[in-house]
């Protein structure tokens, strides 16, 4: 079940820090948000990919929200068809969903990413590419 309260907090954090993070040096921090007996951690960070660089296939133990601040990426989520996202686009990736992103543009990509993950879990876990249907 999706914890919308934690996601609302994450989106508010993103709104408050996105503009300064884009304009200034990278900003990374975590805030622990507890809900009942299932503690979550909200992490907001800036990530950059040079031309042709990508993330490799991976999952997160929570929800990921991505805002493309600059550039263009090809996003592959599970076995879905690849999607192209450009500056100004955003996407939400569900927990435990295998995905990868690659810079396919002509300039470095800058992403502002908000994660709402299980407390104590690794932020990112590498996985194999999902088998095609």
N, C-alpha and C. Protein backbone atom coordinates (compact mmCIF):
# COMPACT_ATOMS: atom_id res chain seq x y z
N UNK A 1 0.84 -1.18 0.00
CA UNK A 1 0.00 0.00 0.00
C UNK A 1 0.89 1.24 0.00
N UNK A 2 0.54 2.22 -0.77
CA UNK A 2 1.31 3.46 -0.88
C UNK A 2 1.01 4.36 0.31
N UNK A 3 2.06 4.90 0.92
CA UNK A 3 1.92 5.83 2.04
C UNK A 3 1.91 7.24 1.47
N UNK A 4 0.72 7.77 1.22
CA UNK A 4 0.60 9.08 0.59
C UNK A 4 1.09 10.20 1.51
N UNK A 5 1.01 10.02 2.82
CA UNK A 5 1.49 11.05 3.74
C UNK A 5 2.98 11.26 3.55
N UNK A 6 3.74 10.18 3.48
CA UNK A 6 5.18 10.29 3.28
C UNK A 6 5.48 10.91 1.92
N UNK A 7 4.72 10.53 0.89
CA UNK A 7 4.96 11.11 -0.43
C UNK A 7 4.64 12.59 -0.45
N UNK A 8 3.59 13.02 0.26
CA UNK A 8 3.29 14.45 0.33
C UNK A 8 4.44 15.20 0.97
N UNK A 9 4.99 14.64 2.05
CA UNK A 9 6.14 15.28 2.69
C UNK A 9 7.32 15.35 1.72
N UNK A 10 7.54 14.28 0.98
CA UNK A 10 8.64 14.25 0.03
C UNK A 10 8.46 15.29 -1.06
N UNK A 11 7.24 15.42 -1.57
CA UNK A 11 6.99 16.41 -2.61
C UNK A 11 7.15 17.83 -2.08
N UNK A 12 6.73 18.07 -0.84
CA UNK A 12 6.94 19.39 -0.24
C UNK A 12 8.42 19.69 -0.10
N UNK A 13 9.18 18.70 0.36
CA UNK A 13 10.63 18.90 0.46
C UNK A 13 11.23 19.20 -0.91
N UNK A 14 10.80 18.47 -1.92
CA UNK A 14 11.30 18.70 -3.27
C UNK A 14 10.98 20.10 -3.74
N UNK A 15 9.77 20.56 -3.48
CA UNK A 15 9.37 21.91 -3.90
C UNK A 15 10.21 22.98 -3.23
N UNK A 16 10.53 22.78 -1.95
CA UNK A 16 11.30 23.78 -1.21
C UNK A 16 12.77 23.81 -1.61
N UNK A 17 13.32 22.67 -2.02
CA UNK A 17 14.75 22.68 -2.29
C UNK A 17 15.12 22.56 -3.76
N UNK A 18 14.18 22.26 -4.64
CA UNK A 18 14.53 22.04 -6.05
C UNK A 18 15.18 23.25 -6.68
N UNK A 19 14.61 24.42 -6.52
CA UNK A 19 15.19 25.61 -7.16
C UNK A 19 16.59 25.90 -6.65
N UNK A 20 16.84 25.93 -5.33
CA UNK A 20 18.21 26.16 -4.87
C UNK A 20 19.17 25.06 -5.30
N UNK A 21 18.71 23.81 -5.34
CA UNK A 21 19.59 22.72 -5.72
C UNK A 21 19.98 22.83 -7.18
N UNK A 22 19.07 23.30 -8.02
CA UNK A 22 19.38 23.46 -9.43
C UNK A 22 20.34 24.62 -9.62
N UNK A 23 20.17 25.69 -8.87
CA UNK A 23 20.97 26.89 -9.05
C UNK A 23 22.33 26.80 -8.37
N UNK A 24 22.46 26.00 -7.33
CA UNK A 24 23.69 25.97 -6.55
C UNK A 24 24.37 24.61 -6.60
N UNK A 25 25.28 24.39 -5.64
CA UNK A 25 25.99 23.11 -5.59
C UNK A 25 25.03 21.98 -5.22
N UNK A 26 25.40 20.71 -5.51
CA UNK A 26 24.54 19.59 -5.17
C UNK A 26 24.18 19.58 -3.69
N UNK A 27 22.95 19.21 -3.40
CA UNK A 27 22.44 19.18 -2.04
C UNK A 27 21.94 17.78 -1.75
N UNK A 28 22.52 17.13 -0.76
CA UNK A 28 22.10 15.78 -0.37
C UNK A 28 21.81 15.76 1.12
N UNK A 29 20.64 15.27 1.50
CA UNK A 29 20.33 15.09 2.91
C UNK A 29 19.20 14.09 3.05
N UNK A 30 19.05 13.54 4.24
CA UNK A 30 17.98 12.59 4.53
C UNK A 30 17.21 13.05 5.74
N UNK A 31 15.91 12.79 5.75
CA UNK A 31 15.05 13.10 6.89
C UNK A 31 14.26 11.84 7.20
N UNK A 32 14.29 11.39 8.45
CA UNK A 32 13.51 10.20 8.81
C UNK A 32 12.08 10.60 9.10
N UNK A 33 11.14 9.94 8.43
CA UNK A 33 9.71 10.19 8.60
C UNK A 33 9.10 8.89 9.10
N UNK A 34 8.46 8.92 10.26
CA UNK A 34 7.86 7.70 10.79
C UNK A 34 6.35 7.73 10.61
N UNK A 35 5.79 6.59 10.31
CA UNK A 35 4.35 6.42 10.12
C UNK A 35 3.98 5.11 10.79
N UNK A 36 3.23 5.19 11.87
CA UNK A 36 2.87 3.99 12.63
C UNK A 36 4.14 3.24 13.03
N UNK A 37 4.24 1.98 12.65
CA UNK A 37 5.39 1.17 13.03
C UNK A 37 6.36 0.95 11.87
N UNK A 38 6.15 1.62 10.75
CA UNK A 38 6.99 1.42 9.57
C UNK A 38 7.77 2.69 9.25
N UNK A 39 8.95 2.89 9.85
CA UNK A 39 9.70 4.12 9.60
C UNK A 39 10.18 4.19 8.14
N UNK A 40 10.14 5.38 7.61
CA UNK A 40 10.60 5.67 6.26
C UNK A 40 11.67 6.75 6.33
N UNK A 41 12.49 6.80 5.30
CA UNK A 41 13.49 7.84 5.18
C UNK A 41 13.23 8.56 3.86
N UNK A 42 13.21 9.89 3.90
CA UNK A 42 13.06 10.70 2.70
C UNK A 42 14.45 11.24 2.35
N UNK A 43 14.90 10.95 1.14
CA UNK A 43 16.20 11.41 0.67
C UNK A 43 15.99 12.21 -0.60
N UNK A 44 16.55 13.41 -0.65
CA UNK A 44 16.47 14.25 -1.83
C UNK A 44 17.89 14.51 -2.30
N UNK A 45 18.15 14.28 -3.59
CA UNK A 45 19.50 14.50 -4.10
C UNK A 45 19.48 14.95 -5.55
N UNK A 46 20.59 15.51 -5.95
CA UNK A 46 20.82 15.86 -7.35
C UNK A 46 21.74 14.79 -7.93
N UNK A 47 21.44 14.35 -9.14
CA UNK A 47 22.27 13.34 -9.81
C UNK A 47 22.53 13.81 -11.22
N UNK A 48 23.75 13.62 -11.70
CA UNK A 48 24.10 14.01 -13.06
C UNK A 48 24.61 12.81 -13.84
N UNK A 49 24.28 12.78 -15.13
CA UNK A 49 24.82 11.78 -16.05
C UNK A 49 25.45 12.51 -17.22
N UNK A 50 26.69 12.15 -17.55
CA UNK A 50 27.33 12.69 -18.74
C UNK A 50 26.72 12.04 -19.97
N UNK A 51 27.09 12.54 -21.16
CA UNK A 51 26.57 12.00 -22.41
C UNK A 51 26.80 10.49 -22.47
N UNK A 52 25.73 9.74 -22.75
CA UNK A 52 25.81 8.29 -22.88
C UNK A 52 25.85 7.53 -21.56
N UNK A 53 26.03 8.22 -20.45
CA UNK A 53 26.12 7.55 -19.15
C UNK A 53 24.72 7.16 -18.66
N UNK A 54 24.66 6.10 -17.87
CA UNK A 54 23.38 5.66 -17.33
C UNK A 54 23.50 5.09 -15.94
N UNK A 55 22.36 4.71 -15.40
CA UNK A 55 22.30 4.23 -14.02
C UNK A 55 22.52 2.73 -13.89
N UNK A 56 22.29 1.98 -14.96
CA UNK A 56 22.26 0.53 -14.85
C UNK A 56 20.95 0.10 -14.19
N UNK A 57 20.58 -1.15 -14.39
CA UNK A 57 19.33 -1.66 -13.82
C UNK A 57 19.45 -1.75 -12.30
N UNK A 58 18.41 -1.28 -11.60
CA UNK A 58 18.40 -1.29 -10.14
C UNK A 58 16.98 -1.14 -9.63
N UNK A 59 16.82 -1.33 -8.31
CA UNK A 59 15.54 -1.10 -7.64
C UNK A 59 15.79 -0.24 -6.40
N UNK A 60 14.69 0.25 -5.83
CA UNK A 60 14.72 0.96 -4.55
C UNK A 60 13.66 0.32 -3.65
N UNK A 61 13.94 0.29 -2.36
CA UNK A 61 12.99 -0.27 -1.40
C UNK A 61 12.06 0.84 -0.93
N UNK A 62 11.41 1.47 -1.91
CA UNK A 62 10.49 2.56 -1.68
C UNK A 62 10.21 3.28 -2.99
N UNK A 63 9.46 4.35 -2.91
CA UNK A 63 9.06 5.11 -4.10
C UNK A 63 10.14 6.11 -4.49
N UNK A 64 10.34 6.27 -5.79
CA UNK A 64 11.30 7.24 -6.33
C UNK A 64 10.53 8.25 -7.18
N UNK A 65 10.79 9.54 -6.96
CA UNK A 65 10.20 10.60 -7.78
C UNK A 65 11.35 11.38 -8.41
N UNK A 66 11.31 11.52 -9.74
CA UNK A 66 12.42 12.13 -10.48
C UNK A 66 11.91 13.33 -11.26
N UNK A 67 12.65 14.44 -11.16
CA UNK A 67 12.39 15.64 -11.96
C UNK A 67 13.62 15.85 -12.84
N UNK A 68 13.41 15.95 -14.16
CA UNK A 68 14.51 16.18 -15.08
C UNK A 68 14.73 17.68 -15.18
N UNK A 69 15.81 18.17 -14.58
CA UNK A 69 16.10 19.60 -14.55
C UNK A 69 16.77 20.07 -15.84
N UNK A 70 17.63 19.22 -16.39
CA UNK A 70 18.34 19.55 -17.63
C UNK A 70 18.58 18.27 -18.41
N UNK A 71 18.54 18.37 -19.73
CA UNK A 71 18.90 17.25 -20.58
C UNK A 71 17.74 16.35 -20.95
N UNK A 72 18.10 15.12 -21.37
CA UNK A 72 17.14 14.17 -21.92
C UNK A 72 17.59 12.75 -21.56
N UNK A 73 16.67 11.95 -21.05
CA UNK A 73 17.00 10.56 -20.71
C UNK A 73 16.03 9.60 -21.38
N UNK A 74 16.53 8.38 -21.57
CA UNK A 74 15.65 7.27 -21.93
C UNK A 74 15.45 6.47 -20.65
N UNK A 75 14.21 6.30 -20.25
CA UNK A 75 13.87 5.57 -19.03
C UNK A 75 13.24 4.24 -19.40
N UNK A 76 13.75 3.18 -18.82
CA UNK A 76 13.16 1.85 -18.99
C UNK A 76 12.70 1.40 -17.62
N UNK A 77 11.42 1.04 -17.51
CA UNK A 77 10.83 0.60 -16.25
C UNK A 77 10.23 -0.79 -16.48
N UNK A 78 10.77 -1.78 -15.78
CA UNK A 78 10.30 -3.15 -15.95
C UNK A 78 10.38 -3.56 -17.41
N UNK A 79 9.32 -4.17 -17.91
CA UNK A 79 9.29 -4.61 -19.31
C UNK A 79 8.49 -3.64 -20.19
N UNK A 80 8.18 -2.45 -19.65
CA UNK A 80 7.46 -1.44 -20.44
C UNK A 80 8.35 -0.93 -21.57
N UNK A 81 7.71 -0.35 -22.58
CA UNK A 81 8.46 0.28 -23.67
C UNK A 81 9.27 1.45 -23.11
N UNK A 82 10.46 1.70 -23.66
CA UNK A 82 11.27 2.83 -23.19
C UNK A 82 10.53 4.15 -23.38
N UNK A 83 10.77 5.09 -22.46
CA UNK A 83 10.18 6.43 -22.55
C UNK A 83 11.30 7.45 -22.58
N UNK A 84 11.11 8.50 -23.35
CA UNK A 84 12.06 9.62 -23.38
C UNK A 84 11.50 10.73 -22.51
N UNK A 85 12.31 11.20 -21.57
CA UNK A 85 11.93 12.30 -20.68
C UNK A 85 12.91 13.44 -20.90
N UNK A 86 12.36 14.66 -20.96
CA UNK A 86 13.17 15.85 -21.22
C UNK A 86 13.05 16.83 -20.06
N UNK A 87 13.90 17.85 -20.08
CA UNK A 87 13.89 18.88 -19.04
C UNK A 87 12.46 19.35 -18.80
N UNK A 88 12.06 19.39 -17.52
CA UNK A 88 10.71 19.79 -17.14
C UNK A 88 9.78 18.62 -16.89
N UNK A 89 10.14 17.43 -17.36
CA UNK A 89 9.32 16.24 -17.13
C UNK A 89 9.61 15.66 -15.74
N UNK A 90 8.66 14.87 -15.26
CA UNK A 90 8.87 14.16 -14.00
C UNK A 90 8.22 12.79 -14.10
N UNK A 91 8.64 11.89 -13.22
CA UNK A 91 8.11 10.53 -13.24
C UNK A 91 8.19 9.97 -11.82
N UNK A 92 7.26 9.08 -11.50
CA UNK A 92 7.29 8.36 -10.23
C UNK A 92 7.48 6.89 -10.53
N UNK A 93 8.43 6.26 -9.83
CA UNK A 93 8.73 4.85 -10.03
C UNK A 93 8.36 4.10 -8.75
N UNK A 94 7.48 3.09 -8.86
CA UNK A 94 7.04 2.37 -7.66
C UNK A 94 8.17 1.57 -7.00
N UNK A 95 7.99 1.26 -5.74
CA UNK A 95 8.98 0.48 -4.99
C UNK A 95 9.22 -0.87 -5.64
N UNK A 96 10.47 -1.33 -5.56
CA UNK A 96 10.88 -2.65 -6.04
C UNK A 96 10.74 -2.83 -7.55
N UNK A 97 10.50 -1.75 -8.30
CA UNK A 97 10.33 -1.85 -9.75
C UNK A 97 11.70 -1.69 -10.43
N UNK A 98 12.18 -2.72 -11.15
CA UNK A 98 13.46 -2.59 -11.84
C UNK A 98 13.39 -1.47 -12.89
N UNK A 99 14.44 -0.65 -12.94
CA UNK A 99 14.47 0.44 -13.91
C UNK A 99 15.90 0.88 -14.18
N UNK A 100 16.07 1.57 -15.30
CA UNK A 100 17.36 2.13 -15.69
C UNK A 100 17.12 3.40 -16.49
N UNK A 101 18.06 4.33 -16.40
CA UNK A 101 17.96 5.59 -17.14
C UNK A 101 19.30 5.85 -17.82
N UNK A 102 19.25 6.35 -19.06
CA UNK A 102 20.46 6.64 -19.82
C UNK A 102 20.33 8.01 -20.46
N UNK A 103 21.40 8.80 -20.39
CA UNK A 103 21.44 10.10 -21.05
C UNK A 103 21.54 9.88 -22.56
N UNK A 104 20.50 10.27 -23.29
CA UNK A 104 20.51 10.11 -24.75
C UNK A 104 20.59 11.46 -25.45
N UNK A 105 20.75 12.53 -24.68
CA UNK A 105 20.78 13.87 -25.25
C UNK A 105 22.18 14.32 -25.64
N UNK A 106 22.30 15.61 -25.91
CA UNK A 106 23.56 16.22 -26.34
C UNK A 106 24.25 17.00 -25.24
N UNK A 107 23.65 17.03 -24.05
CA UNK A 107 24.21 17.75 -22.91
C UNK A 107 24.13 16.85 -21.67
N UNK A 108 24.93 17.14 -20.64
CA UNK A 108 24.79 16.37 -19.40
C UNK A 108 23.37 16.49 -18.85
N UNK A 109 22.90 15.42 -18.22
CA UNK A 109 21.57 15.39 -17.61
C UNK A 109 21.71 15.73 -16.13
N UNK A 110 20.77 16.56 -15.64
CA UNK A 110 20.71 16.86 -14.21
C UNK A 110 19.33 16.45 -13.72
N UNK A 111 19.30 15.58 -12.71
CA UNK A 111 18.06 15.08 -12.14
C UNK A 111 17.96 15.51 -10.68
N UNK A 112 16.75 15.84 -10.25
CA UNK A 112 16.46 16.06 -8.84
C UNK A 112 15.59 14.87 -8.43
N UNK A 113 16.09 14.07 -7.49
CA UNK A 113 15.44 12.81 -7.15
C UNK A 113 15.03 12.81 -5.68
N UNK A 114 13.79 12.39 -5.43
CA UNK A 114 13.30 12.21 -4.07
C UNK A 114 12.94 10.74 -3.89
N UNK A 115 13.50 10.14 -2.85
CA UNK A 115 13.22 8.75 -2.50
C UNK A 115 12.47 8.72 -1.18
N UNK A 116 11.46 7.87 -1.06
CA UNK A 116 10.81 7.57 0.22
C UNK A 116 11.00 6.07 0.41
N UNK A 117 12.02 5.70 1.20
CA UNK A 117 12.43 4.31 1.32
C UNK A 117 12.28 3.81 2.75
N UNK A 118 12.34 2.49 2.88
CA UNK A 118 12.29 1.87 4.20
C UNK A 118 13.53 2.25 4.98
N UNK A 119 13.34 2.62 6.23
CA UNK A 119 14.46 2.95 7.10
C UNK A 119 15.38 1.74 7.24
N UNK A 120 16.67 1.97 7.12
CA UNK A 120 17.65 0.89 7.26
C UNK A 120 17.93 0.12 5.99
N UNK A 121 17.21 0.40 4.91
CA UNK A 121 17.46 -0.32 3.66
C UNK A 121 18.49 0.44 2.83
N UNK A 122 19.14 -0.28 1.92
CA UNK A 122 20.04 0.38 0.97
C UNK A 122 19.21 1.28 0.08
N UNK A 123 19.78 2.42 -0.30
CA UNK A 123 19.05 3.33 -1.18
C UNK A 123 18.84 2.72 -2.56
N UNK A 124 19.83 1.98 -3.03
CA UNK A 124 19.81 1.45 -4.40
C UNK A 124 20.36 0.03 -4.37
N UNK A 125 19.67 -0.89 -5.06
CA UNK A 125 20.12 -2.27 -5.16
C UNK A 125 20.22 -2.65 -6.63
N UNK A 126 21.43 -2.97 -7.14
CA UNK A 126 21.56 -3.39 -8.54
C UNK A 126 20.81 -4.70 -8.79
N UNK A 127 20.20 -4.80 -9.97
CA UNK A 127 19.48 -6.02 -10.37
C UNK A 127 19.75 -6.30 -11.84
N UNK A 128 19.43 -7.51 -12.28
CA UNK A 128 19.51 -7.86 -13.70
C UNK A 128 18.35 -7.22 -14.44
N UNK A 129 18.53 -7.01 -15.73
CA UNK A 129 17.43 -6.51 -16.57
C UNK A 129 16.30 -7.53 -16.54
N UNK A 130 15.05 -7.06 -16.46
CA UNK A 130 13.93 -8.01 -16.46
C UNK A 130 13.82 -8.75 -17.79
N UNK A 131 13.37 -9.99 -17.73
CA UNK A 131 13.18 -10.77 -18.95
C UNK A 131 12.02 -10.20 -19.75
N UNK A 132 12.19 -10.12 -21.06
CA UNK A 132 11.12 -9.61 -21.93
C UNK A 132 9.96 -10.59 -21.93
N UNK A 133 8.75 -10.03 -22.08
CA UNK A 133 7.55 -10.89 -22.12
C UNK A 133 7.40 -11.56 -23.46
